[in-house]
Amino acid sequence: MRDLIETIDFFKTLPSDIKESLLSQTSLYQFNSGQILFFENDDLDKIYYLISGAIKFYKVDRFDNEVFLYKLFGPKLIFDLSKMADFSIIQCFANAEFDEDSIVMAIDAQWFKESFDNNSVFMNNVLQESFTMIAQLQCIINRDIVFDGTAKVAHFLATDLETYNRLKKHEIAYMLHIQPETLSRIIKKLTRNEIISIEKNIVKILNMDNLKEIYE
């Protein structure tokens, strides 16, 4: 665990005494794809850090349909920012299911909050992670409320091409809340217009300006 902490930017910049204390407050777990980390209404006393792998967050509507929210790839901190101000137990904000075989650190939540409150380096690291998460969620809200299908795909390609190329087409369609057939039509259109090219199922952007014009 000590060696692992030194490989992760979020932890390795912490003071030595915090890192030493962290070792006694942390457990390491391995999860398989499809396993659940927590459900929306679970009350937990842990803060989770995704070391490697991927996890999706979703809700279930009143018809028992799964509604995708967003996806995180490790390494990334997982927690509800609104609970950092005054909590003893965290109220989870969505269902969390592993999309890949993953490794997770589980950290005692009370220790985490006390360290956050009492150490400026720890606080800065948490805030940096939080700002990244908030920016991601803002993009998701804009995408789902404002963008049509073509704009959703263009935005995904322009902002996260690496993720697009690592996922299967039905996974991308699921994340963007469009049909796989719609995704295929949009990709063909972008290819015909020479905005992107596809070589061995890998998308390359040929004209970033034209791609951005679709959603800006």
N, C-alpha and C. Protein backbone atom coordinates (compact mmCIF):
# COMPACT_ATOMS: atom_id res chain seq x y z
N MET A 1 0.82 -1.20 0.00
CA MET A 1 0.00 0.00 0.00
C MET A 1 0.86 1.27 0.00
N ARG A 2 1.95 1.25 0.77
CA ARG A 2 2.83 2.41 0.84
C ARG A 2 3.42 2.72 -0.54
N ASP A 3 3.85 1.70 -1.26
CA ASP A 3 4.41 1.89 -2.60
C ASP A 3 3.34 2.39 -3.56
N LEU A 4 2.11 1.88 -3.42
CA LEU A 4 1.03 2.30 -4.30
C LEU A 4 0.71 3.77 -4.11
N ILE A 5 0.65 4.22 -2.88
CA ILE A 5 0.35 5.62 -2.59
C ILE A 5 1.36 6.55 -3.25
N GLU A 6 2.61 6.13 -3.29
CA GLU A 6 3.66 6.98 -3.87
C GLU A 6 3.57 7.07 -5.40
N THR A 7 2.74 6.25 -6.02
CA THR A 7 2.59 6.30 -7.49
C THR A 7 1.40 7.14 -7.93
N ILE A 8 0.59 7.60 -6.98
CA ILE A 8 -0.64 8.32 -7.31
C ILE A 8 -0.47 9.79 -6.95
N ASP A 9 -0.65 10.68 -7.91
CA ASP A 9 -0.43 12.10 -7.70
C ASP A 9 -1.23 12.65 -6.53
N PHE A 10 -2.47 12.21 -6.40
CA PHE A 10 -3.34 12.73 -5.34
C PHE A 10 -2.73 12.50 -3.96
N PHE A 11 -2.06 11.37 -3.76
CA PHE A 11 -1.55 11.00 -2.43
C PHE A 11 -0.07 11.34 -2.23
N LYS A 12 0.73 11.21 -3.26
CA LYS A 12 2.17 11.31 -3.06
C LYS A 12 2.64 12.70 -2.66
N THR A 13 1.83 13.74 -2.91
CA THR A 13 2.21 15.10 -2.51
C THR A 13 1.83 15.42 -1.07
N LEU A 14 1.13 14.49 -0.39
CA LEU A 14 0.71 14.74 0.99
C LEU A 14 1.91 14.68 1.93
N PRO A 15 1.84 15.38 3.06
CA PRO A 15 2.91 15.30 4.06
C PRO A 15 3.11 13.87 4.55
N SER A 16 4.29 13.58 4.99
CA SER A 16 4.63 12.21 5.40
C SER A 16 3.74 11.69 6.52
N ASP A 17 3.39 12.55 7.49
CA ASP A 17 2.57 12.09 8.60
C ASP A 17 1.16 11.73 8.15
N ILE A 18 0.63 12.48 7.17
CA ILE A 18 -0.70 12.17 6.63
C ILE A 18 -0.66 10.84 5.88
N LYS A 19 0.38 10.65 5.09
CA LYS A 19 0.48 9.39 4.33
C LYS A 19 0.63 8.20 5.26
N GLU A 20 1.38 8.37 6.33
CA GLU A 20 1.56 7.28 7.28
C GLU A 20 0.24 6.94 7.97
N SER A 21 -0.51 7.97 8.33
CA SER A 21 -1.81 7.76 8.96
C SER A 21 -2.79 7.13 7.97
N LEU A 22 -2.69 7.52 6.73
CA LEU A 22 -3.57 6.99 5.69
C LEU A 22 -3.48 5.47 5.60
N LEU A 23 -2.30 4.93 5.80
CA LEU A 23 -2.11 3.49 5.68
C LEU A 23 -2.99 2.71 6.64
N SER A 24 -3.22 3.27 7.81
CA SER A 24 -4.04 2.57 8.82
C SER A 24 -5.53 2.81 8.62
N GLN A 25 -5.88 3.71 7.71
CA GLN A 25 -7.29 4.07 7.50
C GLN A 25 -7.82 3.58 6.16
N THR A 26 -7.02 2.78 5.46
CA THR A 26 -7.34 2.43 4.08
C THR A 26 -7.31 0.93 3.85
N SER A 27 -8.24 0.46 3.04
CA SER A 27 -8.26 -0.93 2.58
C SER A 27 -8.29 -0.94 1.06
N LEU A 28 -7.74 -1.99 0.49
CA LEU A 28 -7.65 -2.11 -0.97
C LEU A 28 -8.53 -3.27 -1.42
N TYR A 29 -9.33 -3.02 -2.47
CA TYR A 29 -10.26 -4.04 -2.96
C TYR A 29 -10.15 -4.18 -4.48
N GLN A 30 -10.39 -5.38 -4.95
CA GLN A 30 -10.49 -5.65 -6.38
C GLN A 30 -11.94 -5.99 -6.71
N PHE A 31 -12.43 -5.43 -7.82
CA PHE A 31 -13.80 -5.68 -8.26
C PHE A 31 -13.79 -6.14 -9.71
N ASN A 32 -14.74 -6.99 -10.04
CA ASN A 32 -14.90 -7.42 -11.42
C ASN A 32 -15.91 -6.54 -12.13
N SER A 33 -15.81 -6.48 -13.44
CA SER A 33 -16.79 -5.74 -14.24
C SER A 33 -18.19 -6.26 -13.95
N GLY A 34 -19.13 -5.32 -13.73
CA GLY A 34 -20.50 -5.70 -13.42
C GLY A 34 -20.83 -5.69 -11.94
N GLN A 35 -19.83 -5.69 -11.08
CA GLN A 35 -20.10 -5.62 -9.64
C GLN A 35 -20.51 -4.21 -9.24
N ILE A 36 -21.29 -4.13 -8.18
CA ILE A 36 -21.78 -2.85 -7.67
C ILE A 36 -20.88 -2.36 -6.54
N LEU A 37 -20.47 -1.09 -6.61
CA LEU A 37 -19.73 -0.48 -5.50
C LEU A 37 -20.70 0.00 -4.43
N PHE A 38 -21.76 0.69 -4.85
CA PHE A 38 -22.82 1.08 -3.92
C PHE A 38 -24.07 1.42 -4.71
N PHE A 39 -25.19 1.38 -3.99
CA PHE A 39 -26.47 1.80 -4.55
C PHE A 39 -26.79 3.21 -4.07
N GLU A 40 -27.71 3.85 -4.76
CA GLU A 40 -28.00 5.26 -4.54
C GLU A 40 -28.35 5.58 -3.09
N ASN A 41 -29.12 4.74 -2.44
CA ASN A 41 -29.60 5.06 -1.10
C ASN A 41 -28.76 4.44 0.01
N ASP A 42 -27.61 3.88 -0.34
CA ASP A 42 -26.74 3.30 0.68
C ASP A 42 -26.13 4.40 1.56
N ASP A 43 -26.02 4.13 2.83
CA ASP A 43 -25.29 4.99 3.74
C ASP A 43 -23.92 4.37 4.00
N LEU A 44 -22.88 5.10 3.65
CA LEU A 44 -21.54 4.55 3.76
C LEU A 44 -20.67 5.42 4.66
N ASP A 45 -19.67 4.81 5.23
CA ASP A 45 -18.71 5.57 6.05
C ASP A 45 -17.33 5.52 5.41
N LYS A 46 -17.31 5.41 4.07
CA LYS A 46 -16.04 5.32 3.33
C LYS A 46 -15.99 6.36 2.22
N ILE A 47 -14.79 6.79 1.93
CA ILE A 47 -14.48 7.56 0.72
C ILE A 47 -13.73 6.62 -0.20
N TYR A 48 -14.10 6.59 -1.46
CA TYR A 48 -13.48 5.67 -2.41
C TYR A 48 -12.57 6.40 -3.38
N TYR A 49 -11.45 5.74 -3.67
CA TYR A 49 -10.55 6.25 -4.71
C TYR A 49 -10.35 5.13 -5.73
N LEU A 50 -10.73 5.41 -6.98
CA LEU A 50 -10.59 4.43 -8.06
C LEU A 50 -9.15 4.43 -8.54
N ILE A 51 -8.41 3.39 -8.22
CA ILE A 51 -7.00 3.30 -8.60
C ILE A 51 -6.87 3.01 -10.09
N SER A 52 -7.59 2.01 -10.56
CA SER A 52 -7.55 1.65 -11.98
C SER A 52 -8.89 1.04 -12.35
N GLY A 53 -9.18 1.05 -13.65
CA GLY A 53 -10.45 0.52 -14.13
C GLY A 53 -11.42 1.62 -14.46
N ALA A 54 -12.71 1.29 -14.46
CA ALA A 54 -13.74 2.26 -14.82
C ALA A 54 -15.02 1.93 -14.08
N ILE A 55 -15.77 2.96 -13.77
CA ILE A 55 -17.02 2.80 -13.04
C ILE A 55 -18.06 3.75 -13.63
N LYS A 56 -19.28 3.25 -13.80
CA LYS A 56 -20.36 4.09 -14.32
C LYS A 56 -21.35 4.43 -13.20
N PHE A 57 -21.94 5.62 -13.31
CA PHE A 57 -22.93 6.07 -12.35
C PHE A 57 -24.27 6.22 -13.08
N TYR A 58 -25.31 5.70 -12.46
CA TYR A 58 -26.61 5.74 -13.12
C TYR A 58 -27.72 5.77 -12.08
N LYS A 59 -28.89 6.19 -12.52
CA LYS A 59 -30.10 6.12 -11.72
C LYS A 59 -31.09 5.20 -12.41
N VAL A 60 -32.14 4.84 -11.69
CA VAL A 60 -33.21 4.01 -12.26
C VAL A 60 -34.51 4.79 -12.16
N ASP A 61 -35.21 4.95 -13.31
CA ASP A 61 -36.45 5.72 -13.29
C ASP A 61 -37.61 4.87 -12.75
N ARG A 62 -38.80 5.44 -12.71
CA ARG A 62 -39.93 4.74 -12.10
C ARG A 62 -40.41 3.56 -12.92
N PHE A 63 -39.92 3.44 -14.14
CA PHE A 63 -40.24 2.28 -14.97
C PHE A 63 -39.13 1.24 -14.95
N ASP A 64 -38.18 1.41 -14.01
CA ASP A 64 -37.04 0.50 -13.85
C ASP A 64 -36.08 0.54 -15.04
N ASN A 65 -36.07 1.66 -15.75
CA ASN A 65 -35.10 1.86 -16.83
C ASN A 65 -33.83 2.49 -16.27
N GLU A 66 -32.70 1.99 -16.69
CA GLU A 66 -31.42 2.53 -16.25
C GLU A 66 -31.10 3.80 -17.02
N VAL A 67 -30.83 4.89 -16.30
CA VAL A 67 -30.50 6.18 -16.92
C VAL A 67 -29.04 6.50 -16.61
N PHE A 68 -28.21 6.45 -17.63
CA PHE A 68 -26.78 6.70 -17.47
C PHE A 68 -26.52 8.15 -17.10
N LEU A 69 -25.63 8.38 -16.14
CA LEU A 69 -25.23 9.72 -15.75
C LEU A 69 -23.84 10.06 -16.28
N TYR A 70 -22.83 9.35 -15.82
CA TYR A 70 -21.48 9.60 -16.29
C TYR A 70 -20.58 8.43 -15.93
N LYS A 71 -19.36 8.49 -16.42
CA LYS A 71 -18.42 7.40 -16.23
C LYS A 71 -17.07 7.97 -15.79
N LEU A 72 -16.41 7.28 -14.87
CA LEU A 72 -15.09 7.69 -14.40
C LEU A 72 -14.07 6.61 -14.71
N PHE A 73 -12.88 7.04 -15.10
CA PHE A 73 -11.75 6.14 -15.29
C PHE A 73 -10.69 6.47 -14.24
N GLY A 74 -10.07 5.41 -13.69
CA GLY A 74 -9.04 5.63 -12.69
C GLY A 74 -7.76 6.18 -13.29
N PRO A 75 -6.94 6.86 -12.48
CA PRO A 75 -7.16 7.14 -11.06
C PRO A 75 -8.07 8.35 -10.85
N LYS A 76 -9.05 8.22 -9.95
CA LYS A 76 -10.00 9.31 -9.72
C LYS A 76 -10.67 9.14 -8.35
N LEU A 77 -10.84 10.26 -7.65
CA LEU A 77 -11.53 10.26 -6.38
C LEU A 77 -13.04 10.16 -6.60
N ILE A 78 -13.72 9.34 -5.79
CA ILE A 78 -15.16 9.16 -5.89
C ILE A 78 -15.78 9.56 -4.57
N PHE A 79 -16.54 10.65 -4.55
CA PHE A 79 -17.27 11.01 -3.35
C PHE A 79 -18.25 12.12 -3.68
N ASP A 80 -19.20 12.32 -2.78
CA ASP A 80 -20.22 13.35 -2.93
C ASP A 80 -19.69 14.63 -2.29
N LEU A 81 -19.35 15.60 -3.12
CA LEU A 81 -18.74 16.84 -2.63
C LEU A 81 -19.63 17.55 -1.61
N SER A 82 -20.93 17.47 -1.79
CA SER A 82 -21.84 18.19 -0.90
C SER A 82 -21.77 17.68 0.54
N LYS A 83 -21.22 16.48 0.74
CA LYS A 83 -21.13 15.91 2.08
C LYS A 83 -19.85 16.30 2.81
N MET A 84 -18.96 17.02 2.14
CA MET A 84 -17.68 17.32 2.77
C MET A 84 -17.79 18.37 3.88
N ALA A 85 -18.83 19.19 3.84
CA ALA A 85 -18.91 20.28 4.80
C ALA A 85 -19.14 19.77 6.23
N ASP A 86 -20.13 18.92 6.41
CA ASP A 86 -20.40 18.41 7.76
C ASP A 86 -21.10 17.06 7.64
N PHE A 87 -20.32 16.01 7.76
CA PHE A 87 -20.91 14.69 7.67
C PHE A 87 -20.21 13.73 8.62
N SER A 88 -20.92 12.72 9.00
CA SER A 88 -20.29 11.59 9.66
C SER A 88 -20.50 10.34 8.81
N ILE A 89 -21.60 10.33 8.06
CA ILE A 89 -21.89 9.23 7.14
C ILE A 89 -22.26 9.81 5.79
N ILE A 90 -21.72 9.25 4.74
CA ILE A 90 -21.97 9.77 3.40
C ILE A 90 -23.25 9.20 2.82
N GLN A 91 -24.07 10.06 2.24
CA GLN A 91 -25.26 9.61 1.52
C GLN A 91 -24.89 9.52 0.05
N CYS A 92 -24.89 8.33 -0.52
CA CYS A 92 -24.48 8.16 -1.91
C CYS A 92 -25.51 8.78 -2.85
N PHE A 93 -25.05 9.25 -3.97
CA PHE A 93 -25.86 10.08 -4.84
C PHE A 93 -26.28 9.40 -6.12
N ALA A 94 -25.86 8.15 -6.35
CA ALA A 94 -26.25 7.41 -7.55
C ALA A 94 -25.81 5.96 -7.35
N ASN A 95 -26.27 5.10 -8.24
CA ASN A 95 -25.77 3.73 -8.25
C ASN A 95 -24.41 3.73 -8.95
N ALA A 96 -23.49 2.96 -8.44
CA ALA A 96 -22.15 2.90 -9.01
C ALA A 96 -21.81 1.45 -9.35
N GLU A 97 -21.56 1.19 -10.62
CA GLU A 97 -21.29 -0.17 -11.10
C GLU A 97 -20.00 -0.18 -11.91
N PHE A 98 -19.17 -1.17 -11.68
CA PHE A 98 -17.90 -1.25 -12.39
C PHE A 98 -18.12 -1.68 -13.84
N ASP A 99 -17.47 -0.94 -14.73
CA ASP A 99 -17.54 -1.24 -16.16
C ASP A 99 -16.34 -2.05 -16.63
N GLU A 100 -15.33 -2.11 -15.81
CA GLU A 100 -14.13 -2.89 -16.09
C GLU A 100 -13.65 -3.51 -14.78
N ASP A 101 -12.80 -4.51 -14.86
CA ASP A 101 -12.13 -5.00 -13.66
C ASP A 101 -11.35 -3.83 -13.05
N SER A 102 -11.52 -3.61 -11.76
CA SER A 102 -11.00 -2.38 -11.16
C SER A 102 -10.39 -2.63 -9.79
N ILE A 103 -9.55 -1.67 -9.37
CA ILE A 103 -8.96 -1.68 -8.04
C ILE A 103 -9.37 -0.38 -7.35
N VAL A 104 -9.85 -0.50 -6.10
CA VAL A 104 -10.39 0.65 -5.37
C VAL A 104 -9.78 0.71 -3.97
N MET A 105 -9.45 1.92 -3.55
CA MET A 105 -9.07 2.18 -2.17
C MET A 105 -10.30 2.67 -1.42
N ALA A 106 -10.56 2.10 -0.25
CA ALA A 106 -11.65 2.55 0.62
C ALA A 106 -11.04 3.20 1.85
N ILE A 107 -11.34 4.48 2.05
CA ILE A 107 -10.72 5.28 3.11
C ILE A 107 -11.78 5.68 4.13
N ASP A 108 -11.46 5.56 5.41
CA ASP A 108 -12.40 5.96 6.46
C ASP A 108 -12.84 7.41 6.25
N ALA A 109 -14.15 7.64 6.18
CA ALA A 109 -14.67 8.95 5.82
C ALA A 109 -14.40 10.00 6.89
N GLN A 110 -14.50 9.63 8.16
CA GLN A 110 -14.26 10.60 9.22
C GLN A 110 -12.81 11.04 9.23
N TRP A 111 -11.89 10.09 9.06
CA TRP A 111 -10.48 10.45 8.98
C TRP A 111 -10.23 11.35 7.78
N PHE A 112 -10.87 11.04 6.65
CA PHE A 112 -10.70 11.83 5.44
C PHE A 112 -11.13 13.27 5.68
N LYS A 113 -12.28 13.46 6.30
CA LYS A 113 -12.78 14.81 6.54
C LYS A 113 -11.87 15.57 7.49
N GLU A 114 -11.41 14.92 8.55
CA GLU A 114 -10.54 15.60 9.50
C GLU A 114 -9.22 16.00 8.85
N SER A 115 -8.68 15.13 8.00
CA SER A 115 -7.44 15.45 7.29
C SER A 115 -7.66 16.59 6.31
N PHE A 116 -8.82 16.58 5.65
CA PHE A 116 -9.19 17.65 4.72
C PHE A 116 -9.28 18.98 5.46
N ASP A 117 -9.88 18.98 6.63
CA ASP A 117 -10.07 20.22 7.39
C ASP A 117 -8.76 20.76 7.95
N ASN A 118 -7.81 19.87 8.26
CA ASN A 118 -6.63 20.29 9.03
C ASN A 118 -5.34 20.40 8.23
N ASN A 119 -5.38 20.07 6.95
CA ASN A 119 -4.14 20.11 6.18
C ASN A 119 -4.40 20.80 4.83
N SER A 120 -3.66 21.86 4.56
CA SER A 120 -3.92 22.66 3.36
C SER A 120 -3.56 21.91 2.08
N VAL A 121 -2.53 21.07 2.13
CA VAL A 121 -2.15 20.30 0.93
C VAL A 121 -3.25 19.29 0.60
N PHE A 122 -3.73 18.61 1.62
CA PHE A 122 -4.82 17.65 1.43
C PHE A 122 -6.05 18.37 0.88
N MET A 123 -6.39 19.52 1.45
CA MET A 123 -7.55 20.28 1.00
C MET A 123 -7.40 20.69 -0.47
N ASN A 124 -6.21 21.14 -0.83
CA ASN A 124 -5.97 21.55 -2.22
C ASN A 124 -6.15 20.38 -3.18
N ASN A 125 -5.64 19.22 -2.81
CA ASN A 125 -5.77 18.04 -3.67
C ASN A 125 -7.22 17.65 -3.87
N VAL A 126 -7.99 17.70 -2.78
CA VAL A 126 -9.41 17.36 -2.87
C VAL A 126 -10.16 18.37 -3.73
N LEU A 127 -9.85 19.65 -3.56
CA LEU A 127 -10.52 20.68 -4.34
C LEU A 127 -10.19 20.56 -5.82
N GLN A 128 -8.96 20.24 -6.15
CA GLN A 128 -8.58 20.06 -7.55
C GLN A 128 -9.38 18.92 -8.18
N GLU A 129 -9.51 17.82 -7.45
CA GLU A 129 -10.31 16.70 -7.94
C GLU A 129 -11.77 17.13 -8.10
N SER A 130 -12.26 17.92 -7.15
CA SER A 130 -13.65 18.36 -7.17
C SER A 130 -13.94 19.26 -8.36
N PHE A 131 -13.02 20.19 -8.64
CA PHE A 131 -13.21 21.09 -9.77
C PHE A 131 -13.27 20.32 -11.08
N THR A 132 -12.43 19.30 -11.20
CA THR A 132 -12.44 18.46 -12.40
C THR A 132 -13.78 17.75 -12.54
N MET A 133 -14.29 17.22 -11.43
CA MET A 133 -15.56 16.52 -11.45
C MET A 133 -16.71 17.47 -11.80
N ILE A 134 -16.71 18.65 -11.21
CA ILE A 134 -17.77 19.63 -11.47
C ILE A 134 -17.76 20.05 -12.94
N ALA A 135 -16.56 20.28 -13.50
CA ALA A 135 -16.47 20.65 -14.90
C ALA A 135 -17.02 19.54 -15.80
N GLN A 136 -16.72 18.30 -15.45
CA GLN A 136 -17.22 17.17 -16.22
C GLN A 136 -18.74 17.11 -16.17
N LEU A 137 -19.30 17.30 -14.98
CA LEU A 137 -20.76 17.24 -14.83
C LEU A 137 -21.43 18.40 -15.56
N GLN A 138 -20.81 19.57 -15.57
CA GLN A 138 -21.37 20.70 -16.31
C GLN A 138 -21.43 20.40 -17.80
N CYS A 139 -20.39 19.76 -18.32
CA CYS A 139 -20.37 19.38 -19.73
C CYS A 139 -21.48 18.37 -20.03
N ILE A 140 -21.68 17.43 -19.11
CA ILE A 140 -22.71 16.42 -19.30
C ILE A 140 -24.09 17.06 -19.32
N ILE A 141 -24.35 18.00 -18.40
CA ILE A 141 -25.64 18.68 -18.35
C ILE A 141 -25.88 19.45 -19.64
N ASN A 142 -24.88 20.20 -20.09
CA ASN A 142 -25.03 20.95 -21.33
C ASN A 142 -25.28 20.02 -22.51
N ARG A 143 -24.55 18.92 -22.54
CA ARG A 143 -24.67 17.98 -23.65
C ARG A 143 -26.07 17.37 -23.71
N ASP A 144 -26.59 16.95 -22.56
CA ASP A 144 -27.87 16.24 -22.55
C ASP A 144 -29.06 17.17 -22.72
N ILE A 145 -28.94 18.42 -22.29
CA ILE A 145 -30.07 19.34 -22.36
C ILE A 145 -30.07 20.14 -23.66
N VAL A 146 -28.91 20.56 -24.11
CA VAL A 146 -28.83 21.50 -25.24
C VAL A 146 -28.53 20.81 -26.56
N PHE A 147 -27.66 19.82 -26.57
CA PHE A 147 -27.16 19.25 -27.81
C PHE A 147 -28.14 18.27 -28.44
N ASP A 148 -28.19 18.28 -29.79
CA ASP A 148 -28.85 17.20 -30.50
C ASP A 148 -27.85 16.06 -30.68
N GLY A 149 -28.27 14.98 -31.38
CA GLY A 149 -27.40 13.81 -31.50
C GLY A 149 -26.07 14.11 -32.13
N THR A 150 -26.07 14.89 -33.21
CA THR A 150 -24.81 15.20 -33.90
C THR A 150 -23.88 16.01 -33.02
N ALA A 151 -24.44 16.97 -32.30
CA ALA A 151 -23.63 17.80 -31.41
C ALA A 151 -23.05 16.97 -30.27
N LYS A 152 -23.83 16.01 -29.75
CA LYS A 152 -23.34 15.14 -28.68
C LYS A 152 -22.12 14.35 -29.14
N VAL A 153 -22.21 13.78 -30.33
CA VAL A 153 -21.11 12.97 -30.85
C VAL A 153 -19.89 13.85 -31.13
N ALA A 154 -20.12 15.01 -31.73
CA ALA A 154 -19.02 15.92 -32.04
C ALA A 154 -18.31 16.37 -30.78
N HIS A 155 -19.07 16.68 -29.75
CA HIS A 155 -18.48 17.12 -28.48
C HIS A 155 -17.67 16.00 -27.85
N PHE A 156 -18.19 14.78 -27.87
CA PHE A 156 -17.47 13.63 -27.32
C PHE A 156 -16.15 13.44 -28.05
N LEU A 157 -16.18 13.49 -29.38
CA LEU A 157 -14.96 13.31 -30.16
C LEU A 157 -13.94 14.41 -29.88
N ALA A 158 -14.42 15.64 -29.78
CA ALA A 158 -13.50 16.77 -29.62
C ALA A 158 -12.89 16.82 -28.23
N THR A 159 -13.63 16.38 -27.22
CA THR A 159 -13.16 16.54 -25.85
C THR A 159 -12.59 15.27 -25.23
N ASP A 160 -12.92 14.11 -25.79
CA ASP A 160 -12.46 12.86 -25.17
C ASP A 160 -12.31 11.77 -26.22
N LEU A 161 -11.49 12.03 -27.22
CA LEU A 161 -11.30 11.10 -28.32
C LEU A 161 -10.72 9.77 -27.84
N GLU A 162 -9.83 9.82 -26.86
CA GLU A 162 -9.22 8.59 -26.36
C GLU A 162 -10.26 7.64 -25.80
N THR A 163 -11.19 8.18 -25.01
CA THR A 163 -12.26 7.35 -24.45
C THR A 163 -13.16 6.81 -25.55
N TYR A 164 -13.49 7.66 -26.52
CA TYR A 164 -14.33 7.20 -27.63
C TYR A 164 -13.71 5.99 -28.31
N ASN A 165 -12.43 6.05 -28.55
CA ASN A 165 -11.76 4.97 -29.30
C ASN A 165 -11.58 3.70 -28.47
N ARG A 166 -11.67 3.79 -27.17
CA ARG A 166 -11.48 2.60 -26.34
C ARG A 166 -12.81 1.89 -26.06
N LEU A 167 -13.93 2.57 -26.31
CA LEU A 167 -15.24 1.99 -26.01
C LEU A 167 -15.86 1.34 -27.24
N LYS A 168 -16.79 0.43 -26.98
CA LYS A 168 -17.57 -0.16 -28.05
C LYS A 168 -18.69 0.80 -28.43
N LYS A 169 -19.19 0.66 -29.66
CA LYS A 169 -20.16 1.62 -30.17
C LYS A 169 -21.45 1.62 -29.35
N HIS A 170 -21.90 0.46 -28.88
CA HIS A 170 -23.13 0.45 -28.09
C HIS A 170 -22.92 1.13 -26.73
N GLU A 171 -21.69 1.09 -26.21
CA GLU A 171 -21.40 1.78 -24.96
C GLU A 171 -21.44 3.29 -25.16
N ILE A 172 -20.91 3.74 -26.28
CA ILE A 172 -20.91 5.18 -26.58
C ILE A 172 -22.34 5.68 -26.74
N ALA A 173 -23.15 4.92 -27.50
CA ALA A 173 -24.55 5.30 -27.70
C ALA A 173 -25.28 5.38 -26.37
N TYR A 174 -25.02 4.43 -25.49
CA TYR A 174 -25.64 4.40 -24.17
C TYR A 174 -25.26 5.64 -23.36
N MET A 175 -23.99 6.01 -23.40
CA MET A 175 -23.53 7.17 -22.66
C MET A 175 -24.12 8.47 -23.19
N LEU A 176 -24.35 8.53 -24.50
CA LEU A 176 -24.87 9.75 -25.11
C LEU A 176 -26.39 9.78 -25.20
N HIS A 177 -27.04 8.71 -24.75
CA HIS A 177 -28.50 8.62 -24.78
C HIS A 177 -29.04 8.71 -26.20
N ILE A 178 -28.37 8.03 -27.13
CA ILE A 178 -28.85 7.94 -28.50
C ILE A 178 -28.83 6.46 -28.91
N GLN A 179 -29.48 6.14 -30.03
CA GLN A 179 -29.50 4.78 -30.52
C GLN A 179 -28.20 4.46 -31.25
N PRO A 180 -27.73 3.21 -31.21
CA PRO A 180 -26.51 2.84 -31.94
C PRO A 180 -26.60 3.15 -33.43
N GLU A 181 -27.79 2.98 -34.01
CA GLU A 181 -27.97 3.29 -35.43
C GLU A 181 -27.78 4.78 -35.69
N THR A 182 -28.24 5.60 -34.76
CA THR A 182 -28.06 7.05 -34.90
C THR A 182 -26.58 7.41 -34.84
N LEU A 183 -25.85 6.78 -33.92
CA LEU A 183 -24.42 7.02 -33.81
C LEU A 183 -23.71 6.66 -35.11
N SER A 184 -24.06 5.53 -35.69
CA SER A 184 -23.42 5.10 -36.94
C SER A 184 -23.68 6.10 -38.06
N ARG A 185 -24.91 6.60 -38.16
CA ARG A 185 -25.24 7.57 -39.21
C ARG A 185 -24.44 8.87 -39.03
N ILE A 186 -24.31 9.31 -37.79
CA ILE A 186 -23.57 10.56 -37.53
C ILE A 186 -22.10 10.39 -37.87
N ILE A 187 -21.52 9.26 -37.48
CA ILE A 187 -20.10 9.01 -37.77
C ILE A 187 -19.87 8.95 -39.28
N LYS A 188 -20.78 8.31 -40.01
CA LYS A 188 -20.65 8.25 -41.48
C LYS A 188 -20.72 9.64 -42.09
N LYS A 189 -21.62 10.47 -41.55
CA LYS A 189 -21.75 11.83 -42.06
C LYS A 189 -20.48 12.64 -41.81
N LEU A 190 -19.93 12.54 -40.62
CA LEU A 190 -18.70 13.26 -40.30
C LEU A 190 -17.53 12.78 -41.17
N THR A 191 -17.54 11.49 -41.49
CA THR A 191 -16.50 10.93 -42.35
C THR A 191 -16.65 11.44 -43.77
N ARG A 192 -17.89 11.45 -44.29
CA ARG A 192 -18.13 11.96 -45.65
C ARG A 192 -17.73 13.41 -45.77
N ASN A 193 -17.95 14.18 -44.72
CA ASN A 193 -17.61 15.62 -44.74
C ASN A 193 -16.14 15.87 -44.44
N GLU A 194 -15.37 14.79 -44.31
CA GLU A 194 -13.92 14.85 -44.08
C GLU A 194 -13.57 15.62 -42.81
N ILE A 195 -14.43 15.51 -41.81
CA ILE A 195 -14.15 16.08 -40.50
C ILE A 195 -13.37 15.08 -39.65
N ILE A 196 -13.66 13.80 -39.86
CA ILE A 196 -12.93 12.73 -39.19
C ILE A 196 -12.57 11.66 -40.21
N SER A 197 -11.68 10.77 -39.83
CA SER A 197 -11.39 9.58 -40.63
C SER A 197 -11.37 8.38 -39.69
N ILE A 198 -11.55 7.20 -40.25
CA ILE A 198 -11.55 5.98 -39.45
C ILE A 198 -10.58 4.99 -40.08
N GLU A 199 -9.60 4.57 -39.29
CA GLU A 199 -8.63 3.58 -39.73
C GLU A 199 -8.56 2.47 -38.70
N LYS A 200 -8.93 1.26 -39.12
CA LYS A 200 -8.93 0.10 -38.22
C LYS A 200 -9.75 0.38 -36.96
N ASN A 201 -10.93 0.96 -37.19
CA ASN A 201 -11.88 1.27 -36.13
C ASN A 201 -11.40 2.35 -35.16
N ILE A 202 -10.34 3.05 -35.51
CA ILE A 202 -9.84 4.16 -34.70
C ILE A 202 -10.18 5.48 -35.38
N VAL A 203 -10.88 6.36 -34.67
CA VAL A 203 -11.26 7.65 -35.23
C VAL A 203 -10.11 8.64 -35.08
N LYS A 204 -9.84 9.37 -36.15
CA LYS A 204 -8.88 10.46 -36.13
C LYS A 204 -9.58 11.74 -36.57
N ILE A 205 -9.30 12.83 -35.91
CA ILE A 205 -9.93 14.11 -36.24
C ILE A 205 -9.11 14.80 -37.32
N LEU A 206 -9.75 15.12 -38.43
CA LEU A 206 -9.08 15.79 -39.54
C LEU A 206 -9.25 17.31 -39.50
N ASN A 207 -10.40 17.75 -38.99
CA ASN A 207 -10.68 19.19 -38.95
C ASN A 207 -11.36 19.53 -37.62
N MET A 208 -10.54 19.90 -36.64
CA MET A 208 -11.07 20.18 -35.31
C MET A 208 -11.98 21.41 -35.31
N ASP A 209 -11.65 22.42 -36.09
CA ASP A 209 -12.48 23.64 -36.13
C ASP A 209 -13.89 23.33 -36.61
N ASN A 210 -14.00 22.55 -37.67
CA ASN A 210 -15.33 22.19 -38.18
C ASN A 210 -16.08 21.30 -37.19
N LEU A 211 -15.34 20.45 -36.47
CA LEU A 211 -15.97 19.59 -35.49
C LEU A 211 -16.56 20.43 -34.35
N LYS A 212 -15.80 21.41 -33.88
CA LYS A 212 -16.27 22.26 -32.78
C LYS A 212 -17.45 23.13 -33.20
N GLU A 213 -17.47 23.54 -34.47
CA GLU A 213 -18.58 24.38 -34.95
C GLU A 213 -19.93 23.68 -34.81
N ILE A 214 -19.92 22.36 -34.78
CA ILE A 214 -21.17 21.62 -34.70
C ILE A 214 -21.86 21.82 -33.36
N TYR A 215 -21.07 22.00 -32.28
CA TYR A 215 -21.70 22.11 -30.96
C TYR A 215 -21.48 23.45 -30.28
N GLU A 216 -20.61 24.30 -30.80
CA GLU A 216 -20.36 25.59 -30.15
C GLU A 216 -21.38 26.63 -30.60
